[in-house]
Amino acid sequence: MTLDLPAPVREYVAAKDTNDPATIAACFHEEAWVHDEAEDIIGRANIQKWASATIQKYKFTMTPTAWKQEDADTGVLTATLVGNFPGSPVDLDYRMMLKDGKIYRLEIE
């Protein structure tokens, strides 16, 4: 199934496939904010560190299954994650706010 994703979301999915933290972090606005596992990560440099730690810890793949546009700059990507964590596989929602062609906010639920 091919999803019609906004460019920044499509770039994030492709970057995740590389498992390269710098490539993943480049998808985010310089002042971006990520909320994951009850933690807030602020700024592109910290997002790169978070991406690196998450990749190493969980060794997961992400397969997008749905995109729901909420408004002009906000939507939810649903994806199936398979990896080294309890409950794998799991479906998670990635609530994203876009700004200036980058991901500005990401909440993983």
PDB file of N, CA and C in Angstrom:
ATOM      1  N   MET A   1       0.841  -1.174   0.000  1.00  0.00           N
ATOM      2  CA  MET A   1       0.000   0.000   0.000  1.00  0.00           C
ATOM      3  C   MET A   1       0.890   1.242   0.000  1.00  0.00           C
ATOM      4  N   THR A   2       0.614   2.152  -0.891  1.00  0.00           N
ATOM      5  CA  THR A   2       1.338   3.406  -0.967  1.00  0.00           C
ATOM      6  C   THR A   2       0.494   4.503  -0.328  1.00  0.00           C
ATOM      7  N   LEU A   3       1.084   5.211   0.623  1.00  0.00           N
ATOM      8  CA  LEU A   3       0.379   6.291   1.298  1.00  0.00           C
ATOM      9  C   LEU A   3       0.771   7.626   0.688  1.00  0.00           C
ATOM     10  N   ASP A   4      -0.176   8.539   0.627  1.00  0.00           N
ATOM     11  CA  ASP A   4       0.084   9.893   0.147  1.00  0.00           C
ATOM     12  C   ASP A   4       0.509  10.738   1.349  1.00  0.00           C
ATOM     13  N   LEU A   5       1.805  10.776   1.612  1.00  0.00           N
ATOM     14  CA  LEU A   5       2.350  11.474   2.774  1.00  0.00           C
ATOM     15  C   LEU A   5       2.897  12.843   2.392  1.00  0.00           C
ATOM     16  N   PRO A   6       2.770  13.825   3.286  1.00  0.00           N
ATOM     17  CA  PRO A   6       3.446  15.101   3.048  1.00  0.00           C
ATOM     18  C   PRO A   6       4.951  14.863   2.956  1.00  0.00           C
ATOM     19  N   ALA A   7       5.637  15.693   2.199  1.00  0.00           N
ATOM     20  CA  ALA A   7       7.072  15.510   1.963  1.00  0.00           C
ATOM     21  C   ALA A   7       7.886  15.324   3.246  1.00  0.00           C
ATOM     22  N   PRO A   8       7.714  16.145   4.301  1.00  0.00           N
ATOM     23  CA  PRO A   8       8.538  15.944   5.499  1.00  0.00           C
ATOM     24  C   PRO A   8       8.301  14.586   6.168  1.00  0.00           C
ATOM     25  N   VAL A   9       7.081  14.094   6.107  1.00  0.00           N
ATOM     26  CA  VAL A   9       6.757  12.788   6.698  1.00  0.00           C
ATOM     27  C   VAL A   9       7.374  11.681   5.845  1.00  0.00           C
ATOM     28  N   ARG A  10       7.247  11.808   4.548  1.00  0.00           N
ATOM     29  CA  ARG A  10       7.852  10.836   3.618  1.00  0.00           C
ATOM     30  C   ARG A  10       9.368  10.775   3.817  1.00  0.00           C
ATOM     31  N   GLU A  11       9.990  11.942   4.006  1.00  0.00           N
ATOM     32  CA  GLU A  11      11.434  12.004   4.232  1.00  0.00           C
ATOM     33  C   GLU A  11      11.810  11.354   5.560  1.00  0.00           C
ATOM     34  N   TYR A  12      10.991  11.532   6.588  1.00  0.00           N
ATOM     35  CA  TYR A  12      11.250  10.921   7.892  1.00  0.00           C
ATOM     36  C   TYR A  12      11.190   9.390   7.789  1.00  0.00           C
ATOM     37  N   VAL A  13      10.184   8.876   7.106  1.00  0.00           N
ATOM     38  CA  VAL A  13      10.047   7.423   6.932  1.00  0.00           C
ATOM     39  C   VAL A  13      11.269   6.873   6.188  1.00  0.00           C
ATOM     40  N   ALA A  14      11.677   7.542   5.122  1.00  0.00           N
ATOM     41  CA  ALA A  14      12.853   7.098   4.363  1.00  0.00           C
ATOM     42  C   ALA A  14      14.116   7.186   5.218  1.00  0.00           C
ATOM     43  N   ALA A  15      14.230   8.237   6.021  1.00  0.00           N
ATOM     44  CA  ALA A  15      15.400   8.394   6.890  1.00  0.00           C
ATOM     45  C   ALA A  15      15.436   7.290   7.939  1.00  0.00           C
ATOM     46  N   LYS A  16      14.286   6.944   8.490  1.00  0.00           N
ATOM     47  CA  LYS A  16      14.246   5.868   9.487  1.00  0.00           C
ATOM     48  C   LYS A  16      14.743   4.570   8.869  1.00  0.00           C
ATOM     49  N   ASP A  17      14.431   4.329   7.604  1.00  0.00           N
ATOM     50  CA  ASP A  17      14.895   3.115   6.920  1.00  0.00           C
ATOM     51  C   ASP A  17      16.420   3.046   6.846  1.00  0.00           C
ATOM     52  N   THR A  18      17.100   4.197   6.880  1.00  0.00           N
ATOM     53  CA  THR A  18      18.566   4.202   6.824  1.00  0.00           C
ATOM     54  C   THR A  18      19.188   3.870   8.177  1.00  0.00           C
ATOM     55  N   ASN A  19      18.406   4.060   9.261  1.00  0.00           N
ATOM     56  CA  ASN A  19      18.918   3.901  10.624  1.00  0.00           C
ATOM     57  C   ASN A  19      20.127   4.783  10.901  1.00  0.00           C
ATOM     58  N   ASP A  20      20.214   5.917  10.208  1.00  0.00           N
ATOM     59  CA  ASP A  20      21.296   6.871  10.419  1.00  0.00           C
ATOM     60  C   ASP A  20      20.753   8.053  11.228  1.00  0.00           C
ATOM     61  N   PRO A  21      21.193   8.239  12.474  1.00  0.00           N
ATOM     62  CA  PRO A  21      20.658   9.308  13.314  1.00  0.00           C
ATOM     63  C   PRO A  21      20.774  10.703  12.708  1.00  0.00           C
ATOM     64  N   ALA A  22      21.856  10.995  12.009  1.00  0.00           N
ATOM     65  CA  ALA A  22      22.018  12.322  11.397  1.00  0.00           C
ATOM     66  C   ALA A  22      20.992  12.544  10.291  1.00  0.00           C
ATOM     67  N   THR A  23      20.723  11.513   9.508  1.00  0.00           N
ATOM     68  CA  THR A  23      19.731  11.608   8.441  1.00  0.00           C
ATOM     69  C   THR A  23      18.339  11.797   9.034  1.00  0.00           C
ATOM     70  N   ILE A  24      18.055  11.083  10.109  1.00  0.00           N
ATOM     71  CA  ILE A  24      16.761  11.230  10.792  1.00  0.00           C
ATOM     72  C   ILE A  24      16.629  12.638  11.361  1.00  0.00           C
ATOM     73  N   ALA A  25      17.646  13.105  12.067  1.00  0.00           N
ATOM     74  CA  ALA A  25      17.588  14.435  12.686  1.00  0.00           C
ATOM     75  C   ALA A  25      17.422  15.543  11.650  1.00  0.00           C
ATOM     76  N   ALA A  26      17.958  15.360  10.461  1.00  0.00           N
ATOM     77  CA  ALA A  26      17.851  16.369   9.402  1.00  0.00           C
ATOM     78  C   ALA A  26      16.406  16.581   8.954  1.00  0.00           C
ATOM     79  N   CYS A  27      15.514  15.665   9.280  1.00  0.00           N
ATOM     80  CA  CYS A  27      14.095  15.800   8.926  1.00  0.00           C
ATOM     81  C   CYS A  27      13.368  16.778   9.848  1.00  0.00           C
ATOM     82  N   PHE A  28      14.030  17.179  10.920  1.00  0.00           N
ATOM     83  CA  PHE A  28      13.402  18.005  11.945  1.00  0.00           C
ATOM     84  C   PHE A  28      13.851  19.456  11.852  1.00  0.00           C
ATOM     85  N   HIS A  29      12.943  20.352  12.191  1.00  0.00           N
ATOM     86  CA  HIS A  29      13.218  21.777  12.323  1.00  0.00           C
ATOM     87  C   HIS A  29      14.289  21.955  13.410  1.00  0.00           C
ATOM     88  N   GLU A  30      15.111  22.954  13.298  1.00  0.00           N
ATOM     89  CA  GLU A  30      16.190  23.199  14.269  1.00  0.00           C
ATOM     90  C   GLU A  30      15.665  23.279  15.706  1.00  0.00           C
ATOM     91  N   GLU A  31      14.461  23.820  15.878  1.00  0.00           N
ATOM     92  CA  GLU A  31      13.883  23.996  17.214  1.00  0.00           C
ATOM     93  C   GLU A  31      12.816  22.951  17.517  1.00  0.00           C
ATOM     94  N   ALA A  32      12.872  21.816  16.865  1.00  0.00           N
ATOM     95  CA  ALA A  32      11.844  20.793  17.001  1.00  0.00           C
ATOM     96  C   ALA A  32      11.761  20.223  18.414  1.00  0.00           C
ATOM     97  N   TRP A  33      10.617  19.604  18.664  1.00  0.00           N
ATOM     98  CA  TRP A  33      10.321  18.994  19.954  1.00  0.00           C
ATOM     99  C   TRP A  33       9.757  17.611  19.687  1.00  0.00           C
ATOM    100  N   VAL A  34      10.279  16.604  20.393  1.00  0.00           N
ATOM    101  CA  VAL A  34       9.793  15.226  20.286  1.00  0.00           C
ATOM    102  C   VAL A  34       9.376  14.770  21.672  1.00  0.00           C
ATOM    103  N   HIS A  35       8.235  14.093  21.741  1.00  0.00           N
ATOM    104  CA  HIS A  35       7.793  13.476  22.995  1.00  0.00           C
ATOM    105  C   HIS A  35       7.705  11.980  22.750  1.00  0.00           C
ATOM    106  N   ASP A  36       8.513  11.209  23.476  1.00  0.00           N
ATOM    107  CA  ASP A  36       8.557   9.755  23.309  1.00  0.00           C
ATOM    108  C   ASP A  36       8.882   9.120  24.658  1.00  0.00           C
ATOM    109  N   GLU A  37       8.148   8.096  25.011  1.00  0.00           N
ATOM    110  CA  GLU A  37       8.376   7.367  26.263  1.00  0.00           C
ATOM    111  C   GLU A  37       8.461   8.306  27.470  1.00  0.00           C
ATOM    112  N   ALA A  38       7.494   9.213  27.584  1.00  0.00           N
ATOM    113  CA  ALA A  38       7.372  10.152  28.702  1.00  0.00           C
ATOM    114  C   ALA A  38       8.565  11.106  28.816  1.00  0.00           C
ATOM    115  N   GLU A  39       9.275  11.298  27.730  1.00  0.00           N
ATOM    116  CA  GLU A  39      10.439  12.190  27.711  1.00  0.00           C
ATOM    117  C   GLU A  39      10.269  13.224  26.613  1.00  0.00           C
ATOM    118  N   ASP A  40      10.700  14.451  26.889  1.00  0.00           N
ATOM    119  CA  ASP A  40      10.701  15.514  25.884  1.00  0.00           C
ATOM    120  C   ASP A  40      12.127  15.729  25.401  1.00  0.00           C
ATOM    121  N   ILE A  41      12.278  15.744  24.087  1.00  0.00           N
ATOM    122  CA  ILE A  41      13.577  15.959  23.456  1.00  0.00           C
ATOM    123  C   ILE A  41      13.452  17.236  22.637  1.00  0.00           C
ATOM    124  N   ILE A  42      14.305  18.205  22.892  1.00  0.00           N
ATOM    125  CA  ILE A  42      14.170  19.517  22.257  1.00  0.00           C
ATOM    126  C   ILE A  42      15.438  19.866  21.491  1.00  0.00           C
ATOM    127  N   GLY A  43      15.263  20.260  20.232  1.00  0.00           N
ATOM    128  CA  GLY A  43      16.378  20.681  19.388  1.00  0.00           C
ATOM    129  C   GLY A  43      16.927  19.547  18.547  1.00  0.00           C
ATOM    130  N   ARG A  44      17.367  19.889  17.358  1.00  0.00           N
ATOM    131  CA  ARG A  44      17.839  18.889  16.391  1.00  0.00           C
ATOM    132  C   ARG A  44      19.011  18.061  16.917  1.00  0.00           C
ATOM    133  N   ALA A  45      19.958  18.683  17.611  1.00  0.00           N
ATOM    134  CA  ALA A  45      21.116  17.935  18.134  1.00  0.00           C
ATOM    135  C   ALA A  45      20.668  16.873  19.137  1.00  0.00           C
ATOM    136  N   ASN A  46      19.742  17.231  20.015  1.00  0.00           N
ATOM    137  CA  ASN A  46      19.232  16.259  20.981  1.00  0.00           C
ATOM    138  C   ASN A  46      18.378  15.195  20.304  1.00  0.00           C
ATOM    139  N   ILE A  47      17.682  15.561  19.255  1.00  0.00           N
ATOM    140  CA  ILE A  47      16.892  14.590  18.508  1.00  0.00           C
ATOM    141  C   ILE A  47      17.826  13.567  17.852  1.00  0.00           C
ATOM    142  N   GLN A  48      18.960  13.997  17.376  1.00  0.00           N
ATOM    143  CA  GLN A  48      19.923  13.056  16.798  1.00  0.00           C
ATOM    144  C   GLN A  48      20.403  12.061  17.863  1.00  0.00           C
ATOM    145  N   LYS A  49      20.681  12.546  19.067  1.00  0.00           N
ATOM    146  CA  LYS A  49      21.097  11.654  20.157  1.00  0.00           C
ATOM    147  C   LYS A  49      19.977  10.673  20.505  1.00  0.00           C
ATOM    148  N   TRP A  50      18.743  11.176  20.565  1.00  0.00           N
ATOM    149  CA  TRP A  50      17.581  10.320  20.847  1.00  0.00           C
ATOM    150  C   TRP A  50      17.442   9.257  19.763  1.00  0.00           C
ATOM    151  N   ALA A  51      17.556   9.639  18.494  1.00  0.00           N
ATOM    152  CA  ALA A  51      17.438   8.679  17.393  1.00  0.00           C
ATOM    153  C   ALA A  51      18.501   7.593  17.511  1.00  0.00           C
ATOM    154  N   SER A  52      19.716   7.978  17.821  1.00  0.00           N
ATOM    155  CA  SER A  52      20.803   7.016  17.963  1.00  0.00           C
ATOM    156  C   SER A  52      20.518   6.026  19.090  1.00  0.00           C
ATOM    157  N   ALA A  53      20.118   6.537  20.241  1.00  0.00           N
ATOM    158  CA  ALA A  53      19.839   5.679  21.396  1.00  0.00           C
ATOM    159  C   ALA A  53      18.663   4.739  21.124  1.00  0.00           C
ATOM    160  N   THR A  54      17.630   5.260  20.466  1.00  0.00           N
ATOM    161  CA  THR A  54      16.441   4.453  20.165  1.00  0.00           C
ATOM    162  C   THR A  54      16.776   3.339  19.182  1.00  0.00           C
ATOM    163  N   ILE A  55      17.543   3.656  18.160  1.00  0.00           N
ATOM    164  CA  ILE A  55      17.941   2.648  17.162  1.00  0.00           C
ATOM    165  C   ILE A  55      18.758   1.547  17.830  1.00  0.00           C
ATOM    166  N   GLN A  56      19.714   1.933  18.657  1.00  0.00           N
ATOM    167  CA  GLN A  56      20.573   0.945  19.320  1.00  0.00           C
ATOM    168  C   GLN A  56      19.790   0.088  20.304  1.00  0.00           C
ATOM    169  N   LYS A  57      18.896   0.709  21.052  1.00  0.00           N
ATOM    170  CA  LYS A  57      18.159   0.005  22.100  1.00  0.00           C
ATOM    171  C   LYS A  57      17.120  -0.965  21.528  1.00  0.00           C
ATOM    172  N   TYR A  58      16.363  -0.530  20.520  1.00  0.00           N
ATOM    173  CA  TYR A  58      15.216  -1.313  20.053  1.00  0.00           C
ATOM    174  C   TYR A  58      15.427  -2.039  18.732  1.00  0.00           C
ATOM    175  N   LYS A  59      16.396  -1.615  17.944  1.00  0.00           N
ATOM    176  CA  LYS A  59      16.681  -2.273  16.652  1.00  0.00           C
ATOM    177  C   LYS A  59      15.371  -2.583  15.910  1.00  0.00           C
ATOM    178  N   PHE A  60      14.617  -1.535  15.616  1.00  0.00           N
ATOM    179  CA  PHE A  60      13.274  -1.722  15.079  1.00  0.00           C
ATOM    180  C   PHE A  60      13.132  -1.285  13.631  1.00  0.00           C
ATOM    181  N   THR A  61      12.124  -1.852  13.006  1.00  0.00           N
ATOM    182  CA  THR A  61      11.696  -1.404  11.683  1.00  0.00           C
ATOM    183  C   THR A  61      10.342  -0.729  11.845  1.00  0.00           C
ATOM    184  N   MET A  62      10.040   0.164  10.927  1.00  0.00           N
ATOM    185  CA  MET A  62       8.795   0.914  10.965  1.00  0.00           C
ATOM    186  C   MET A  62       8.124   0.812   9.604  1.00  0.00           C
ATOM    187  N   THR A  63       6.877   0.331   9.603  1.00  0.00           N
ATOM    188  CA  THR A  63       6.107   0.237   8.361  1.00  0.00           C
ATOM    189  C   THR A  63       4.872   1.113   8.483  1.00  0.00           C
ATOM    190  N   PRO A  64       4.806   2.233   7.751  1.00  0.00           N
ATOM    191  CA  PRO A  64       3.630   3.101   7.800  1.00  0.00           C
ATOM    192  C   PRO A  64       2.391   2.363   7.284  1.00  0.00           C
ATOM    193  N   THR A  65       1.277   2.548   7.988  1.00  0.00           N
ATOM    194  CA  THR A  65       0.027   1.902   7.581  1.00  0.00           C
ATOM    195  C   THR A  65      -1.095   2.890   7.287  1.00  0.00           C
ATOM    196  N   ALA A  66      -1.001   4.122   7.813  1.00  0.00           N
ATOM    197  CA  ALA A  66      -2.064   5.102   7.565  1.00  0.00           C
ATOM    198  C   ALA A  66      -1.547   6.510   7.833  1.00  0.00           C
ATOM    199  N   TRP A  67      -2.166   7.471   7.154  1.00  0.00           N
ATOM    200  CA  TRP A  67      -1.912   8.890   7.389  1.00  0.00           C
ATOM    201  C   TRP A  67      -3.250   9.585   7.469  1.00  0.00           C
ATOM    202  N   LYS A  68      -3.469  10.345   8.548  1.00  0.00           N
ATOM    203  CA  LYS A  68      -4.696  11.121   8.712  1.00  0.00           C
ATOM    204  C   LYS A  68      -4.322  12.584   8.867  1.00  0.00           C
ATOM    205  N   GLN A  69      -4.662  13.381   7.861  1.00  0.00           N
ATOM    206  CA  GLN A  69      -4.403  14.821   7.894  1.00  0.00           C
ATOM    207  C   GLN A  69      -5.421  15.467   8.815  1.00  0.00           C
ATOM    208  N   GLU A  70      -4.968  16.193   9.836  1.00  0.00           N
ATOM    209  CA  GLU A  70      -5.880  16.837  10.772  1.00  0.00           C
ATOM    210  C   GLU A  70      -6.165  18.280  10.395  1.00  0.00           C
ATOM    211  N   ASP A  71      -5.145  18.997   9.971  1.00  0.00           N
ATOM    212  CA  ASP A  71      -5.307  20.345   9.430  1.00  0.00           C
ATOM    213  C   ASP A  71      -4.133  20.600   8.502  1.00  0.00           C
ATOM    214  N   ALA A  72      -3.946  21.828   8.077  1.00  0.00           N
ATOM    215  CA  ALA A  72      -2.924  22.119   7.064  1.00  0.00           C
ATOM    216  C   ALA A  72      -1.518  21.699   7.483  1.00  0.00           C
ATOM    217  N   ASP A  73      -1.208  21.773   8.771  1.00  0.00           N
ATOM    218  CA  ASP A  73       0.158  21.504   9.230  1.00  0.00           C
ATOM    219  C   ASP A  73       0.275  20.346  10.216  1.00  0.00           C
ATOM    220  N   THR A  74      -0.807  19.629  10.453  1.00  0.00           N
ATOM    221  CA  THR A  74      -0.805  18.581  11.472  1.00  0.00           C
ATOM    222  C   THR A  74      -1.474  17.322  10.948  1.00  0.00           C
ATOM    223  N   GLY A  75      -0.888  16.181  11.309  1.00  0.00           N
ATOM    224  CA  GLY A  75      -1.478  14.902  10.943  1.00  0.00           C
ATOM    225  C   GLY A  75      -0.918  13.793  11.806  1.00  0.00           C
ATOM    226  N   VAL A  76      -1.482  12.600  11.619  1.00  0.00           N
ATOM    227  CA  VAL A  76      -1.063  11.438  12.402  1.00  0.00           C
ATOM    228  C   VAL A  76      -0.664  10.317  11.451  1.00  0.00           C
ATOM    229  N   LEU A  77       0.570   9.858  11.612  1.00  0.00           N
ATOM    230  CA  LEU A  77       1.069   8.701  10.886  1.00  0.00           C
ATOM    231  C   LEU A  77       0.934   7.500  11.810  1.00  0.00           C
ATOM    232  N   THR A  78       0.242   6.472  11.352  1.00  0.00           N
ATOM    233  CA  THR A  78       0.169   5.214  12.093  1.00  0.00           C
ATOM    234  C   THR A  78       1.156   4.262  11.440  1.00  0.00           C
ATOM    235  N   ALA A  79       1.947   3.583  12.281  1.00  0.00           N
ATOM    236  CA  ALA A  79       2.968   2.675  11.760  1.00  0.00           C
ATOM    237  C   ALA A  79       3.074   1.446  12.655  1.00  0.00           C
ATOM    238  N   THR A  80       3.430   0.342  12.036  1.00  0.00           N
ATOM    239  CA  THR A  80       3.708  -0.887  12.769  1.00  0.00           C
ATOM    240  C   THR A  80       5.206  -0.958  13.016  1.00  0.00           C
ATOM    241  N   LEU A  81       5.585  -1.131  14.279  1.00  0.00           N
ATOM    242  CA  LEU A  81       6.990  -1.263  14.654  1.00  0.00           C
ATOM    243  C   LEU A  81       7.263  -2.698  15.085  1.00  0.00           C
ATOM    244  N   VAL A  82       8.350  -3.235  14.567  1.00  0.00           N
ATOM    245  CA  VAL A  82       8.810  -4.568  14.932  1.00  0.00           C
ATOM    246  C   VAL A  82      10.242  -4.413  15.412  1.00  0.00           C
ATOM    247  N   GLY A  83      10.510  -4.911  16.617  1.00  0.00           N
ATOM    248  CA  GLY A  83      11.863  -4.755  17.125  1.00  0.00           C
ATOM    249  C   GLY A  83      12.097  -5.482  18.422  1.00  0.00           C
ATOM    250  N   ASN A  84      13.160  -5.065  19.097  1.00  0.00           N
ATOM    251  CA  ASN A  84      13.623  -5.677  20.326  1.00  0.00           C
ATOM    252  C   ASN A  84      12.990  -4.966  21.521  1.00  0.00           C
ATOM    253  N   PHE A  85      11.678  -5.170  21.718  1.00  0.00           N
ATOM    254  CA  PHE A  85      10.976  -4.560  22.838  1.00  0.00           C
ATOM    255  C   PHE A  85       9.752  -5.404  23.169  1.00  0.00           C
ATOM    256  N   PRO A  86       9.285  -5.356  24.418  1.00  0.00           N
ATOM    257  CA  PRO A  86       8.104  -6.128  24.807  1.00  0.00           C
ATOM    258  C   PRO A  86       6.877  -5.719  23.984  1.00  0.00           C
ATOM    259  N   GLY A  87       6.099  -6.712  23.585  1.00  0.00           N
ATOM    260  CA  GLY A  87       4.879  -6.440  22.837  1.00  0.00           C
ATOM    261  C   GLY A  87       5.059  -6.320  21.336  1.00  0.00           C
ATOM    262  N   SER A  88       6.283  -6.493  20.855  1.00  0.00           N
ATOM    263  CA  SER A  88       6.539  -6.383  19.411  1.00  0.00           C
ATOM    264  C   SER A  88       5.801  -7.498  18.681  1.00  0.00           C
ATOM    265  N   PRO A  89       5.152  -7.166  17.565  1.00  0.00           N
ATOM    266  CA  PRO A  89       5.011  -5.853  16.925  1.00  0.00           C
ATOM    267  C   PRO A  89       3.925  -5.021  17.606  1.00  0.00           C
ATOM    268  N   VAL A  90       4.011  -3.706  17.387  1.00  0.00           N
ATOM    269  CA  VAL A  90       3.061  -2.777  17.972  1.00  0.00           C
ATOM    270  C   VAL A  90       2.729  -1.693  16.948  1.00  0.00           C
ATOM    271  N   ASP A  91       1.497  -1.226  16.994  1.00  0.00           N
ATOM    272  CA  ASP A  91       1.083  -0.095  16.154  1.00  0.00           C
ATOM    273  C   ASP A  91       1.152   1.168  16.993  1.00  0.00           C
ATOM    274  N   LEU A  92       1.863   2.174  16.494  1.00  0.00           N
ATOM    275  CA  LEU A  92       1.991   3.449  17.190  1.00  0.00           C
ATOM    276  C   LEU A  92       1.515   4.582  16.299  1.00  0.00           C
ATOM    277  N   ASP A  93       1.044   5.641  16.941  1.00  0.00           N
ATOM    278  CA  ASP A  93       0.667   6.863  16.237  1.00  0.00           C
ATOM    279  C   ASP A  93       1.769   7.895  16.417  1.00  0.00           C
ATOM    280  N   TYR A  94       2.152   8.518  15.315  1.00  0.00           N
ATOM    281  CA  TYR A  94       3.149   9.583  15.290  1.00  0.00           C
ATOM    282  C   TYR A  94       2.416  10.874  14.933  1.00  0.00           C
ATOM    283  N   ARG A  95       2.029  11.641  15.947  1.00  0.00           N
ATOM    284  CA  ARG A  95       1.338  12.915  15.713  1.00  0.00           C
ATOM    285  C   ARG A  95       2.392  13.953  15.367  1.00  0.00           C
ATOM    286  N   MET A  96       2.271  14.551  14.175  1.00  0.00           N
ATOM    287  CA  MET A  96       3.297  15.466  13.680  1.00  0.00           C
ATOM    288  C   MET A  96       2.732  16.834  13.337  1.00  0.00           C
ATOM    289  N   MET A  97       3.484  17.856  13.715  1.00  0.00           N
ATOM    290  CA  MET A  97       3.208  19.222  13.271  1.00  0.00           C
ATOM    291  C   MET A  97       4.373  19.613  12.375  1.00  0.00           C
ATOM    292  N   LEU A  98       4.054  20.135  11.216  1.00  0.00           N
ATOM    293  CA  LEU A  98       5.071  20.503  10.240  1.00  0.00           C
ATOM    294  C   LEU A  98       5.236  22.023  10.207  1.00  0.00           C
ATOM    295  N   LYS A  99       6.470  22.459   9.923  1.00  0.00           N
ATOM    296  CA  LYS A  99       6.761  23.902   9.828  1.00  0.00           C
ATOM    297  C   LYS A  99       7.974  24.074   8.926  1.00  0.00           C
ATOM    298  N   ASP A 100       7.863  24.950   7.964  1.00  0.00           N
ATOM    299  CA  ASP A 100       8.980  25.272   7.073  1.00  0.00           C
ATOM    300  C   ASP A 100       9.565  24.035   6.388  1.00  0.00           C
ATOM    301  N   GLY A 101       8.695  23.098   6.026  1.00  0.00           N
ATOM    302  CA  GLY A 101       9.137  21.905   5.303  1.00  0.00           C
ATOM    303  C   GLY A 101       9.847  20.870   6.155  1.00  0.00           C
ATOM    304  N   LYS A 102       9.735  20.990   7.476  1.00  0.00           N
ATOM    305  CA  LYS A 102      10.376  20.062   8.415  1.00  0.00           C
ATOM    306  C   LYS A 102       9.358  19.636   9.472  1.00  0.00           C
ATOM    307  N   ILE A 103       9.706  18.616  10.238  1.00  0.00           N
ATOM    308  CA  ILE A 103       8.876  18.223  11.370  1.00  0.00           C
ATOM    309  C   ILE A 103       9.222  19.157  12.524  1.00  0.00           C
ATOM    310  N   TYR A 104       8.201  19.814  13.058  1.00  0.00           N
ATOM    311  CA  TYR A 104       8.402  20.766  14.144  1.00  0.00           C
ATOM    312  C   TYR A 104       8.064  20.140  15.504  1.00  0.00           C
ATOM    313  N   ARG A 105       7.040  19.308  15.520  1.00  0.00           N
ATOM    314  CA  ARG A 105       6.647  18.598  16.732  1.00  0.00           C
ATOM    315  C   ARG A 105       6.329  17.156  16.358  1.00  0.00           C
ATOM    316  N   LEU A 106       6.728  16.236  17.232  1.00  0.00           N
ATOM    317  CA  LEU A 106       6.424  14.822  17.051  1.00  0.00           C
ATOM    318  C   LEU A 106       6.076  14.244  18.409  1.00  0.00           C
ATOM    319  N   GLU A 107       4.872  13.690  18.505  1.00  0.00           N
ATOM    320  CA  GLU A 107       4.451  12.982  19.706  1.00  0.00           C
ATOM    321  C   GLU A 107       4.199  11.531  19.307  1.00  0.00           C
ATOM    322  N   ILE A 108       4.902  10.616  19.957  1.00  0.00           N
ATOM    323  CA  ILE A 108       4.745   9.202  19.654  1.00  0.00           C
ATOM    324  C   ILE A 108       3.872   8.597  20.733  1.00  0.00           C
ATOM    325  N   GLU A 109       2.745   8.036  20.291  1.00  0.00           N
ATOM    326  CA  GLU A 109       1.740   7.499  21.240  1.00  0.00           C
ATOM    327  C   GLU A 109       1.536   6.020  21.010  1.00  0.00           C
TER     328      GLU A 109
END
